[in-house]
C-alpha atoms as a PDB file:
ATOM      1  CA  MET A   1       5.463   0.260  -0.041  1.00  0.00           C
ATOM      2  CA  SER A   2       7.505  -3.036   0.414  1.00  0.00           C
ATOM      3  CA  ALA A   3       4.267  -5.178   0.257  1.00  0.00           C
ATOM      4  CA  LEU A   4       3.248  -3.574  -3.005  1.00  0.00           C
ATOM      5  CA  ALA A   5       6.921  -3.960  -4.345  1.00  0.00           C
ATOM      6  CA  ARG A   6       6.529  -7.614  -3.553  1.00  0.00           C
ATOM      7  CA  TYR A   7       3.324  -7.856  -5.379  1.00  0.00           C
ATOM      8  CA  PHE A   8       4.657  -6.381  -8.692  1.00  0.00           C
ATOM      9  CA  LEU A   9       7.760  -8.669  -8.207  1.00  0.00           C
ATOM     10  CA  SER A  10       5.514 -11.682  -7.939  1.00  0.00           C
ATOM     11  CA  GLU A  11       3.712 -10.444 -11.284  1.00  0.00           C
ATOM     12  CA  GLY A  12       7.191 -10.649 -13.040  1.00  0.00           C
ATOM     13  CA  TRP A  13       7.913  -7.005 -12.928  1.00  0.00           C
ATOM     14  CA  LYS A  14      11.471  -5.425 -12.611  1.00  0.00           C
ATOM     15  CA  VAL A  15      11.255  -3.597  -9.255  1.00  0.00           C
ATOM     16  CA  SER A  16      13.544  -1.068  -7.822  1.00  0.00           C
ATOM     17  CA  GLY A  17      13.323   1.754  -5.282  1.00  0.00           C
ATOM     18  CA  SER A  18      15.130   4.282  -3.129  1.00  0.00           C
ATOM     19  CA  ASP A  19      15.234   5.131   0.579  1.00  0.00           C
ATOM     20  CA  ILE A  20      17.200   7.665   2.618  1.00  0.00           C
ATOM     21  CA  SER A  21      18.405   4.982   5.168  1.00  0.00           C
ATOM     22  CA  PRO A  22      18.988   1.281   5.390  1.00  0.00           C
ATOM     23  CA  SER A  23      16.610  -1.085   7.211  1.00  0.00           C
ATOM     24  CA  SER A  24      16.114  -4.831   7.652  1.00  0.00           C
ATOM     25  CA  THR A  25      13.010  -4.505   5.364  1.00  0.00           C
ATOM     26  CA  ILE A  26      15.361  -3.137   2.528  1.00  0.00           C
ATOM     27  CA  GLU A  27      17.833  -6.034   3.146  1.00  0.00           C
ATOM     28  CA  GLU A  28      15.008  -8.538   2.843  1.00  0.00           C
ATOM     29  CA  LEU A  29      13.756  -6.825  -0.531  1.00  0.00           C
ATOM     30  CA  GLU A  30      17.204  -6.825  -1.942  1.00  0.00           C
ATOM     31  CA  LYS A  31      17.583 -10.656  -1.134  1.00  0.00           C
ATOM     32  CA  GLU A  32      14.282 -11.017  -3.079  1.00  0.00           C
ATOM     33  CA  GLY A  33      15.698  -9.209  -6.094  1.00  0.00           C
ATOM     34  CA  ILE A  34      14.537  -5.741  -5.675  1.00  0.00           C
ATOM     35  CA  LYS A  35      17.437  -3.180  -5.948  1.00  0.00           C
ATOM     36  CA  VAL A  36      17.154  -0.364  -3.557  1.00  0.00           C
ATOM     37  CA  LEU A  37      19.354   2.798  -3.545  1.00  0.00           C
ATOM     38  CA  ILE A  38      20.189   4.190  -0.237  1.00  0.00           C
ATOM     39  CA  GLY A  39      21.168   7.724   0.692  1.00  0.00           C
ATOM     40  CA  PRO A  40      19.977  11.137  -0.266  1.00  0.00           C
ATOM     41  CA  GLN A  41      17.523  10.997  -3.276  1.00  0.00           C
ATOM     42  CA  LYS A  42      19.023  12.333  -6.600  1.00  0.00           C
ATOM     43  CA  ALA A  43      17.545  13.111  -9.909  1.00  0.00           C
ATOM     44  CA  LYS A  44      20.222  10.962 -11.620  1.00  0.00           C
ATOM     45  CA  ASN A  45      18.804   7.903  -9.842  1.00  0.00           C
ATOM     46  CA  ILE A  46      15.678   8.086 -12.289  1.00  0.00           C
ATOM     47  CA  LYS A  47      16.521   6.251 -15.412  1.00  0.00           C
ATOM     48  CA  ASN A  48      13.493   5.290 -17.539  1.00  0.00           C
ATOM     49  CA  PRO A  49      11.226   3.183 -15.617  1.00  0.00           C
ATOM     50  CA  ASP A  50       7.461   2.601 -16.684  1.00  0.00           C
ATOM     51  CA  LEU A  51       6.068   3.908 -13.507  1.00  0.00           C
ATOM     52  CA  ILE A  52       7.090   5.688 -10.270  1.00  0.00           C
ATOM     53  CA  VAL A  53       5.085   4.712  -7.127  1.00  0.00           C
ATOM     54  CA  TYR A  54       5.726   6.978  -4.173  1.00  0.00           C
ATOM     55  CA  ASN A  55       3.934   7.495  -0.981  1.00  0.00           C
ATOM     56  CA  GLN A  56       2.441  10.391   0.504  1.00  0.00           C
ATOM     57  CA  ALA A  57       5.176  11.351   2.862  1.00  0.00           C
ATOM     58  CA  ILE A  58       7.205  12.390  -0.195  1.00  0.00           C
ATOM     59  CA  ASN A  59       7.101  16.091  -0.877  1.00  0.00           C
ATOM     60  CA  ASP A  60       6.444  17.456  -4.350  1.00  0.00           C
ATOM     61  CA  ASP A  61       9.887  18.968  -4.375  1.00  0.00           C
ATOM     62  CA  ASN A  62      11.586  15.544  -4.022  1.00  0.00           C
ATOM     63  CA  SER A  63      14.503  15.533  -6.555  1.00  0.00           C
ATOM     64  CA  GLU A  64      13.581  11.956  -7.840  1.00  0.00           C
ATOM     65  CA  LEU A  65       9.975  12.824  -8.294  1.00  0.00           C
ATOM     66  CA  LEU A  66      10.795  16.079 -10.138  1.00  0.00           C
ATOM     67  CA  ALA A  67      13.218  14.293 -12.387  1.00  0.00           C
ATOM     68  CA  ALA A  68      10.603  11.572 -13.328  1.00  0.00           C
ATOM     69  CA  ARG A  69       7.966  14.252 -14.097  1.00  0.00           C
ATOM     70  CA  ARG A  70      10.391  16.107 -16.262  1.00  0.00           C
ATOM     71  CA  LYS A  71      10.933  12.905 -18.242  1.00  0.00           C
ATOM     72  CA  ASN A  72       7.183  12.334 -18.420  1.00  0.00           C
ATOM     73  CA  ILE A  73       7.229   9.157 -16.520  1.00  0.00           C
ATOM     74  CA  PRO A  74       3.893   8.364 -15.078  1.00  0.00           C
ATOM     75  CA  CYS A  75       4.058   8.975 -11.251  1.00  0.00           C
ATOM     76  CA  LYS A  76       1.365   7.666  -8.859  1.00  0.00           C
ATOM     77  CA  LEU A  77       0.803   7.604  -5.253  1.00  0.00           C
ATOM     78  CA  TYR A  78       0.955   4.250  -3.449  1.00  0.00           C
ATOM     79  CA  ALA A  79      -2.700   4.498  -2.746  1.00  0.00           C
ATOM     80  CA  GLU A  80      -3.581   5.168  -6.352  1.00  0.00           C
ATOM     81  CA  VAL A  81      -1.758   1.959  -7.448  1.00  0.00           C
ATOM     82  CA  LEU A  82      -3.292   0.082  -4.592  1.00  0.00           C
ATOM     83  CA  GLY A  83      -6.658   1.467  -5.745  1.00  0.00           C
ATOM     84  CA  GLU A  84      -6.225   0.002  -9.193  1.00  0.00           C
ATOM     85  CA  LEU A  85      -5.528  -3.371  -7.688  1.00  0.00           C
ATOM     86  CA  THR A  86      -8.663  -3.105  -5.768  1.00  0.00           C
ATOM     87  CA  LYS A  87     -10.529  -2.919  -9.180  1.00  0.00           C
ATOM     88  CA  LYS A  88      -8.952  -6.251 -10.394  1.00  0.00           C
ATOM     89  CA  TYR A  89      -9.841  -8.323  -7.241  1.00  0.00           C
ATOM     90  CA  LYS A  90     -12.637  -8.885  -4.992  1.00  0.00           C
ATOM     91  CA  THR A  91     -11.170  -6.754  -2.187  1.00  0.00           C
ATOM     92  CA  ILE A  92     -11.658  -6.740   1.612  1.00  0.00           C
ATOM     93  CA  ALA A  93     -10.343  -3.328   3.006  1.00  0.00           C
ATOM     94  CA  ILE A  94      -9.755  -3.123   6.497  1.00  0.00           C
ATOM     95  CA  SER A  95      -9.412   0.349   8.033  1.00  0.00           C
ATOM     96  CA  GLY A  96      -9.735   2.112  11.283  1.00  0.00           C
ATOM     97  CA  ALA A  97      -7.721   4.296  13.728  1.00  0.00           C
ATOM     98  CA  HIS A  98      -6.455   1.277  15.654  1.00  0.00           C
ATOM     99  CA  GLY A  99      -6.109  -2.461  14.904  1.00  0.00           C
ATOM    100  CA  LYS A 100      -5.863  -2.349  11.157  1.00  0.00           C
ATOM    101  CA  SER A 101      -2.810  -4.700  10.935  1.00  0.00           C
ATOM    102  CA  THR A 102      -4.154  -7.208  13.553  1.00  0.00           C
ATOM    103  CA  THR A 103      -7.544  -7.413  11.817  1.00  0.00           C
ATOM    104  CA  THR A 104      -6.061  -7.675   8.379  1.00  0.00           C
ATOM    105  CA  ALA A 105      -3.889 -10.545   9.638  1.00  0.00           C
ATOM    106  CA  LEU A 106      -6.759 -12.349  11.234  1.00  0.00           C
ATOM    107  CA  VAL A 107      -9.200 -12.057   8.350  1.00  0.00           C
ATOM    108  CA  SER A 108      -6.408 -13.156   5.918  1.00  0.00           C
ATOM    109  CA  LEU A 109      -5.518 -16.253   8.021  1.00  0.00           C
ATOM    110  CA  ILE A 110      -9.251 -17.170   8.508  1.00  0.00           C
ATOM    111  CA  LEU A 111      -9.749 -16.957   4.641  1.00  0.00           C
ATOM    112  CA  ILE A 112      -6.608 -18.749   3.766  1.00  0.00           C
ATOM    113  CA  GLU A 113      -7.754 -21.646   6.239  1.00  0.00           C
ATOM    114  CA  ALA A 114     -11.174 -21.613   4.574  1.00  0.00           C
ATOM    115  CA  GLY A 115      -9.563 -22.180   1.282  1.00  0.00           C
ATOM    116  CA  PHE A 116     -10.178 -18.741  -0.384  1.00  0.00           C
ATOM    117  CA  ASP A 117      -6.445 -18.474  -1.038  1.00  0.00           C
ATOM    118  CA  PRO A 118      -6.282 -14.519  -1.187  1.00  0.00           C
ATOM    119  CA  THR A 119      -3.535 -12.298  -2.154  1.00  0.00           C
ATOM    120  CA  VAL A 120      -2.814 -10.063   1.050  1.00  0.00           C
ATOM    121  CA  ILE A 121      -1.047  -6.692   1.312  1.00  0.00           C
ATOM    122  CA  ILE A 122      -0.539  -5.738   4.936  1.00  0.00           C
ATOM    123  CA  GLY A 123       1.353  -3.280   6.976  1.00  0.00           C
ATOM    124  CA  THR A 124       3.123  -5.810   9.160  1.00  0.00           C
ATOM    125  CA  LYS A 125       5.222  -8.940   8.801  1.00  0.00           C
ATOM    126  CA  LEU A 126       3.476 -12.307   9.470  1.00  0.00           C
ATOM    127  CA  LYS A 127       5.345 -15.470  10.161  1.00  0.00           C
ATOM    128  CA  GLU A 128       2.740 -17.238   8.208  1.00  0.00           C
ATOM    129  CA  PHE A 129       3.898 -15.234   5.180  1.00  0.00           C
ATOM    130  CA  ASN A 130       7.468 -16.149   5.747  1.00  0.00           C
ATOM    131  CA  ASN A 131       7.919 -13.112   7.822  1.00  0.00           C
ATOM    132  CA  THR A 132       6.902 -10.676   5.070  1.00  0.00           C
ATOM    133  CA  ASN A 133       3.967  -8.333   4.720  1.00  0.00           C
ATOM    134  CA  PHE A 134       2.713  -9.984   1.397  1.00  0.00           C
ATOM    135  CA  ARG A 135       1.135 -13.132   0.320  1.00  0.00           C
ATOM    136  CA  LYS A 136       0.457 -14.065  -3.188  1.00  0.00           C
ATOM    137  CA  GLY A 137      -2.836 -15.944  -3.624  1.00  0.00           C
ATOM    138  CA  LYS A 138      -4.292 -17.650  -6.677  1.00  0.00           C
ATOM    139  CA  SER A 139      -8.016 -16.466  -6.324  1.00  0.00           C
ATOM    140  CA  GLU A 140      -9.878 -13.436  -7.023  1.00  0.00           C
ATOM    141  CA  TRP A 141      -9.698 -12.185  -3.499  1.00  0.00           C
ATOM    142  CA  LEU A 142      -7.365  -9.360  -2.270  1.00  0.00           C
ATOM    143  CA  ILE A 143      -7.198  -8.458   1.421  1.00  0.00           C
ATOM    144  CA  ILE A 144      -5.669  -4.989   2.222  1.00  0.00           C
ATOM    145  CA  GLU A 145      -4.926  -2.790   5.034  1.00  0.00           C
ATOM    146  CA  ALA A 146      -6.542   0.421   4.219  1.00  0.00           C
ATOM    147  CA  ASP A 147      -4.860   3.435   5.674  1.00  0.00           C
ATOM    148  CA  GLU A 148      -6.870   6.584   6.159  1.00  0.00           C
ATOM    149  CA  TRP A 149      -3.922   9.090   6.365  1.00  0.00           C
ATOM    150  CA  LYS A 150      -4.326  11.832   3.811  1.00  0.00           C
ATOM    151  CA  GLY A 151      -7.468  10.206   2.454  1.00  0.00           C
ATOM    152  CA  SER A 152      -5.425   7.141   1.021  1.00  0.00           C
ATOM    153  CA  PHE A 153      -8.370   4.766   1.319  1.00  0.00           C
ATOM    154  CA  TRP A 154     -10.536   6.888  -0.858  1.00  0.00           C
ATOM    155  CA  HIS A 155      -8.703   5.490  -3.900  1.00  0.00           C
ATOM    156  CA  TYR A 156      -9.890   1.962  -2.999  1.00  0.00           C
ATOM    157  CA  LEU A 157     -12.882   0.239  -4.552  1.00  0.00           C
ATOM    158  CA  PRO A 158     -13.606  -2.718  -2.053  1.00  0.00           C
ATOM    159  CA  PHE A 159     -15.990  -5.403  -2.221  1.00  0.00           C
ATOM    160  CA  ILE A 160     -16.221  -5.359   1.483  1.00  0.00           C
ATOM    161  CA  SER A 161     -15.029  -2.380   3.820  1.00  0.00           C
ATOM    162  CA  LEU A 162     -14.429  -3.237   7.304  1.00  0.00           C
ATOM    163  CA  ILE A 163     -13.836  -0.296   9.706  1.00  0.00           C
ATOM    164  CA  ASN A 164     -12.544  -1.248  13.190  1.00  0.00           C
ATOM    165  CA  ASN A 165     -13.061   2.143  14.817  1.00  0.00           C
ATOM    166  CA  ILE A 166     -12.388   5.839  14.342  1.00  0.00           C
ATOM    167  CA  ASP A 167     -10.570   8.167  16.617  1.00  0.00           C
ATOM    168  CA  CYS A 168      -9.226  11.749  16.522  1.00  0.00           C
ATOM    169  CA  GLU A 169      -6.036  10.951  14.480  1.00  0.00           C
ATOM    170  CA  HIS A 170      -4.118  12.584  11.582  1.00  0.00           C
ATOM    171  CA  LEU A 171      -5.442  15.937  12.550  1.00  0.00           C
ATOM    172  CA  ASP A 172      -2.544  17.370  10.475  1.00  0.00           C
ATOM    173  CA  PHE A 173      -4.741  16.544   7.537  1.00  0.00           C
ATOM    174  CA  TYR A 174      -8.214  16.281   8.844  1.00  0.00           C
ATOM    175  CA  LYS A 175      -8.335  19.146  11.211  1.00  0.00           C
ATOM    176  CA  ASN A 176     -11.153  17.866  13.488  1.00  0.00           C
ATOM    177  CA  PHE A 177     -13.337  14.740  14.199  1.00  0.00           C
ATOM    178  CA  SER A 178     -16.049  15.825  12.030  1.00  0.00           C
ATOM    179  CA  ASN A 179     -13.850  15.611   8.911  1.00  0.00           C
ATOM    180  CA  ILE A 180     -12.495  12.173  10.026  1.00  0.00           C
ATOM    181  CA  ARG A 181     -15.979  10.941  10.104  1.00  0.00           C
ATOM    182  CA  LYS A 182     -16.741  12.294   6.682  1.00  0.00           C
ATOM    183  CA  SER A 183     -13.607  10.587   5.372  1.00  0.00           C
ATOM    184  CA  PHE A 184     -14.618   7.392   6.620  1.00  0.00           C
ATOM    185  CA  ILE A 185     -18.128   7.791   5.125  1.00  0.00           C
ATOM    186  CA  LYS A 186     -16.447   8.700   1.842  1.00  0.00           C
ATOM    187  CA  PHE A 187     -14.551   5.289   2.132  1.00  0.00           C
ATOM    188  CA  ILE A 188     -17.679   3.361   2.848  1.00  0.00           C
ATOM    189  CA  ASN A 189     -19.468   4.862  -0.168  1.00  0.00           C
ATOM    190  CA  ASN A 190     -16.519   3.560  -2.427  1.00  0.00           C
ATOM    191  CA  ASN A 191     -17.774   0.048  -1.785  1.00  0.00           C
ATOM    192  CA  ASP A 192     -18.296  -1.797  -5.057  1.00  0.00           C
ATOM    193  CA  SER A 193     -20.674  -4.445  -3.776  1.00  0.00           C
END
Protein backbone atom coordinates (compact mmCIF):
# COMPACT_ATOMS: atom_id res chain seq x y z
CA MET A 1 0.00 0.00 0.00
CA SER A 2 2.77 2.47 0.83
CA ALA A 3 4.38 2.17 -2.61
CA LEU A 4 1.04 2.79 -4.31
CA ALA A 5 0.42 5.76 -1.99
CA ARG A 6 3.80 7.15 -3.05
CA TYR A 7 2.89 6.65 -6.70
CA PHE A 8 -0.28 8.72 -6.36
CA LEU A 9 1.55 11.37 -4.33
CA SER A 10 4.11 11.61 -7.16
CA GLU A 11 1.18 12.16 -9.56
CA GLY A 12 0.00 15.16 -7.54
CA TRP A 13 -2.85 13.49 -5.66
CA LYS A 14 -3.65 14.32 -2.04
CA VAL A 15 -3.15 10.99 -0.27
CA SER A 16 -4.17 9.92 3.23
CA GLY A 17 -4.76 6.65 4.99
CA SER A 18 -5.27 4.78 8.21
CA ASP A 19 -3.66 1.93 10.08
CA ILE A 20 -4.26 0.33 13.44
CA SER A 21 -0.70 0.81 14.69
CA PRO A 22 2.26 3.11 14.01
CA SER A 23 5.33 1.97 12.10
CA SER A 24 8.52 3.36 10.60
CA THR A 25 6.87 3.18 7.15
CA ILE A 26 4.02 5.38 8.37
CA GLU A 27 6.50 7.87 9.84
CA GLU A 28 8.24 8.02 6.44
CA LEU A 29 4.93 8.51 4.60
CA GLU A 30 3.99 11.35 6.94
CA LYS A 31 7.34 13.06 6.30
CA GLU A 32 6.58 12.78 2.57
CA GLY A 33 3.22 14.53 3.06
CA ILE A 34 0.77 11.65 3.48
CA LYS A 35 -1.53 11.99 6.49
CA VAL A 36 -2.11 8.65 8.28
CA LEU A 37 -4.63 8.18 11.08
CA ILE A 38 -3.51 5.66 13.70
CA GLY A 39 -5.77 3.60 15.92
CA PRO A 40 -9.05 1.75 15.66
CA GLN A 41 -10.65 2.46 12.31
CA LYS A 42 -13.82 4.52 12.63
CA ALA A 43 -16.58 5.57 10.25
CA LYS A 44 -16.02 9.24 11.17
CA ASN A 45 -12.52 9.05 9.62
CA ILE A 46 -14.09 8.89 6.15
CA LYS A 47 -14.76 12.38 4.81
CA ASN A 48 -15.28 12.74 1.05
CA PRO A 49 -12.31 11.29 -0.86
CA ASP A 50 -12.50 10.54 -4.57
CA LEU A 51 -11.40 6.95 -4.01
CA ILE A 52 -10.80 4.47 -1.20
CA VAL A 53 -8.06 1.91 -1.82
CA TYR A 54 -7.88 -1.01 0.60
CA ASN A 55 -6.00 -4.28 0.76
CA GLN A 56 -7.43 -7.77 0.83
CA ALA A 57 -6.68 -8.16 4.52
CA ILE A 58 -9.48 -5.67 5.27
CA ASN A 59 -12.76 -7.39 6.11
CA ASP A 60 -16.04 -6.35 4.50
CA ASP A 61 -17.33 -5.25 7.92
CA ASN A 62 -14.51 -2.69 8.40
CA SER A 63 -16.14 0.49 9.74
CA GLU A 64 -14.25 2.82 7.37
CA LEU A 65 -15.04 0.69 4.34
CA LEU A 66 -18.72 0.48 5.32
CA ALA A 67 -18.86 4.27 5.82
CA ALA A 68 -17.30 4.88 2.40
CA ARG A 69 -19.78 2.55 0.73
CA ARG A 70 -22.71 4.26 2.49
CA LYS A 71 -21.45 7.55 1.03
CA ASN A 72 -21.15 5.95 -2.43
CA ILE A 73 -17.40 6.62 -2.50
CA PRO A 74 -15.71 4.28 -4.99
CA CYS A 75 -13.83 1.54 -3.10
CA LYS A 76 -11.25 -0.57 -4.87
CA LEU A 77 -8.82 -3.23 -3.81
CA TYR A 78 -5.12 -2.42 -3.99
CA ALA A 79 -4.79 -5.10 -6.69
CA GLU A 80 -7.58 -3.52 -8.75
CA VAL A 81 -5.94 -0.09 -8.65
CA LEU A 82 -2.52 -1.51 -9.44
CA GLY A 83 -4.19 -3.45 -12.24
CA GLU A 84 -5.42 -0.17 -13.74
CA LEU A 85 -1.85 1.14 -13.69
CA THR A 86 -0.63 -1.96 -15.54
CA LYS A 87 -2.89 -0.91 -18.42
CA LYS A 88 -1.25 2.53 -18.64
CA TYR A 89 2.33 1.23 -18.81
CA LYS A 90 4.38 -1.50 -20.42
CA THR A 91 4.40 -3.57 -17.28
CA ILE A 92 6.77 -6.26 -16.10
CA ALA A 93 4.98 -8.20 -13.35
CA ILE A 94 7.17 -10.45 -11.21
CA SER A 95 5.47 -13.20 -9.24
CA GLY A 96 6.18 -16.48 -7.51
CA ALA A 97 5.99 -18.03 -4.09
CA HIS A 98 9.54 -17.00 -3.19
CA GLY A 99 11.95 -14.30 -4.31
CA LYS A 100 9.49 -11.74 -5.74
CA SER A 101 11.04 -8.73 -4.00
CA THR A 102 14.61 -9.76 -4.80
CA THR A 103 13.84 -10.44 -8.45
CA THR A 104 11.80 -7.25 -8.79
CA ALA A 105 14.70 -5.29 -7.32
CA LEU A 106 17.24 -6.91 -9.64
CA VAL A 107 15.13 -6.42 -12.77
CA SER A 108 14.45 -2.81 -11.77
CA LEU A 109 18.10 -1.98 -11.17
CA ILE A 110 19.14 -3.65 -14.44
CA LEU A 111 16.57 -1.66 -16.43
CA ILE A 112 17.51 1.57 -14.68
CA GLU A 113 21.18 0.97 -15.49
CA ALA A 114 20.23 0.14 -19.09
CA GLY A 115 18.47 3.51 -19.44
CA PHE A 116 14.82 2.35 -19.45
CA ASP A 117 13.93 4.67 -16.52
CA PRO A 118 11.03 2.52 -15.17
CA THR A 119 8.51 3.34 -12.49
CA VAL A 120 8.80 0.65 -9.80
CA ILE A 121 6.35 -0.59 -7.16
CA ILE A 122 7.98 -3.18 -4.94
CA GLY A 123 7.31 -4.82 -1.59
CA THR A 124 10.63 -3.93 0.01
CA LYS A 125 12.76 -0.86 0.56
CA LEU A 126 15.79 -0.33 -1.66
CA LYS A 127 18.71 1.94 -0.81
CA GLU A 128 18.80 2.85 -4.49
CA PHE A 129 15.27 4.26 -4.07
CA ASN A 130 16.21 6.40 -1.04
CA ASN A 131 15.23 3.52 1.25
CA THR A 132 11.66 3.39 -0.06
CA ASN A 133 9.66 0.85 -2.02
CA PHE A 134 8.83 3.14 -4.94
CA ARG A 135 10.63 4.80 -7.81
CA LYS A 136 9.03 7.28 -10.20
CA GLY A 137 10.39 6.83 -13.70
CA LYS A 138 9.77 8.92 -16.81
CA SER A 139 9.30 6.13 -19.34
CA GLU A 140 6.48 3.85 -20.44
CA TRP A 141 7.84 1.01 -18.27
CA LEU A 142 6.37 -0.13 -14.94
CA ILE A 143 7.87 -2.92 -12.86
CA ILE A 144 5.71 -4.42 -10.13
CA GLU A 145 5.91 -7.15 -7.58
CA ALA A 146 2.83 -9.24 -8.39
CA ASP A 147 1.46 -10.95 -5.30
CA GLU A 148 -0.62 -14.08 -5.78
CA TRP A 149 -2.48 -14.00 -2.44
CA LYS A 150 -6.26 -14.25 -3.01
CA GLY A 151 -5.69 -13.96 -6.75
CA SER A 152 -4.39 -10.39 -6.54
CA PHE A 153 -2.31 -10.78 -9.69
CA TRP A 154 -5.39 -11.71 -11.74
CA HIS A 155 -6.10 -7.96 -11.92
CA TYR A 156 -2.82 -7.19 -13.71
CA LEU A 157 -2.34 -6.89 -17.46
CA PRO A 158 1.44 -7.14 -17.87
CA PHE A 159 3.46 -6.87 -21.03
CA ILE A 160 5.86 -9.39 -19.50
CA SER A 161 5.01 -11.90 -16.74
CA LEU A 162 7.88 -13.42 -14.82
CA ILE A 163 7.22 -16.30 -12.42
CA ASN A 164 10.08 -17.34 -10.16
CA ASN A 165 8.48 -20.51 -8.82
CA ILE A 166 5.28 -21.87 -7.36
CA ASP A 167 4.83 -23.59 -4.05
CA CYS A 168 2.07 -24.86 -1.81
CA GLU A 169 1.29 -21.50 -0.17
CA HIS A 170 -1.83 -19.51 0.71
CA LEU A 171 -3.85 -22.67 1.23
CA ASP A 172 -6.36 -20.58 3.20
CA PHE A 173 -7.48 -19.31 -0.21
CA TYR A 174 -6.31 -21.86 -2.80
CA LYS A 175 -6.98 -25.05 -0.78
CA ASN A 176 -4.56 -27.23 -2.82
CA PHE A 177 -1.61 -27.14 -5.20
CA SER A 178 -3.79 -27.76 -8.24
CA ASN A 179 -5.66 -24.51 -7.59
CA ILE A 180 -2.38 -22.66 -7.08
CA ARG A 181 -1.16 -23.92 -10.45
CA LYS A 182 -4.43 -22.85 -12.12
CA SER A 183 -4.09 -19.42 -10.52
CA PHE A 184 -0.64 -18.88 -12.02
CA ILE A 185 -1.89 -20.06 -15.42
CA LYS A 186 -4.70 -17.49 -15.18
CA PHE A 187 -2.07 -14.83 -14.37
CA ILE A 188 0.03 -15.86 -17.39
CA ASN A 189 -3.02 -15.68 -19.64
CA ASN A 190 -3.57 -12.03 -18.62
CA ASN A 191 -0.38 -11.08 -20.46
CA ASP A 192 -1.07 -8.29 -23.00
CA SER A 193 1.90 -8.91 -25.32
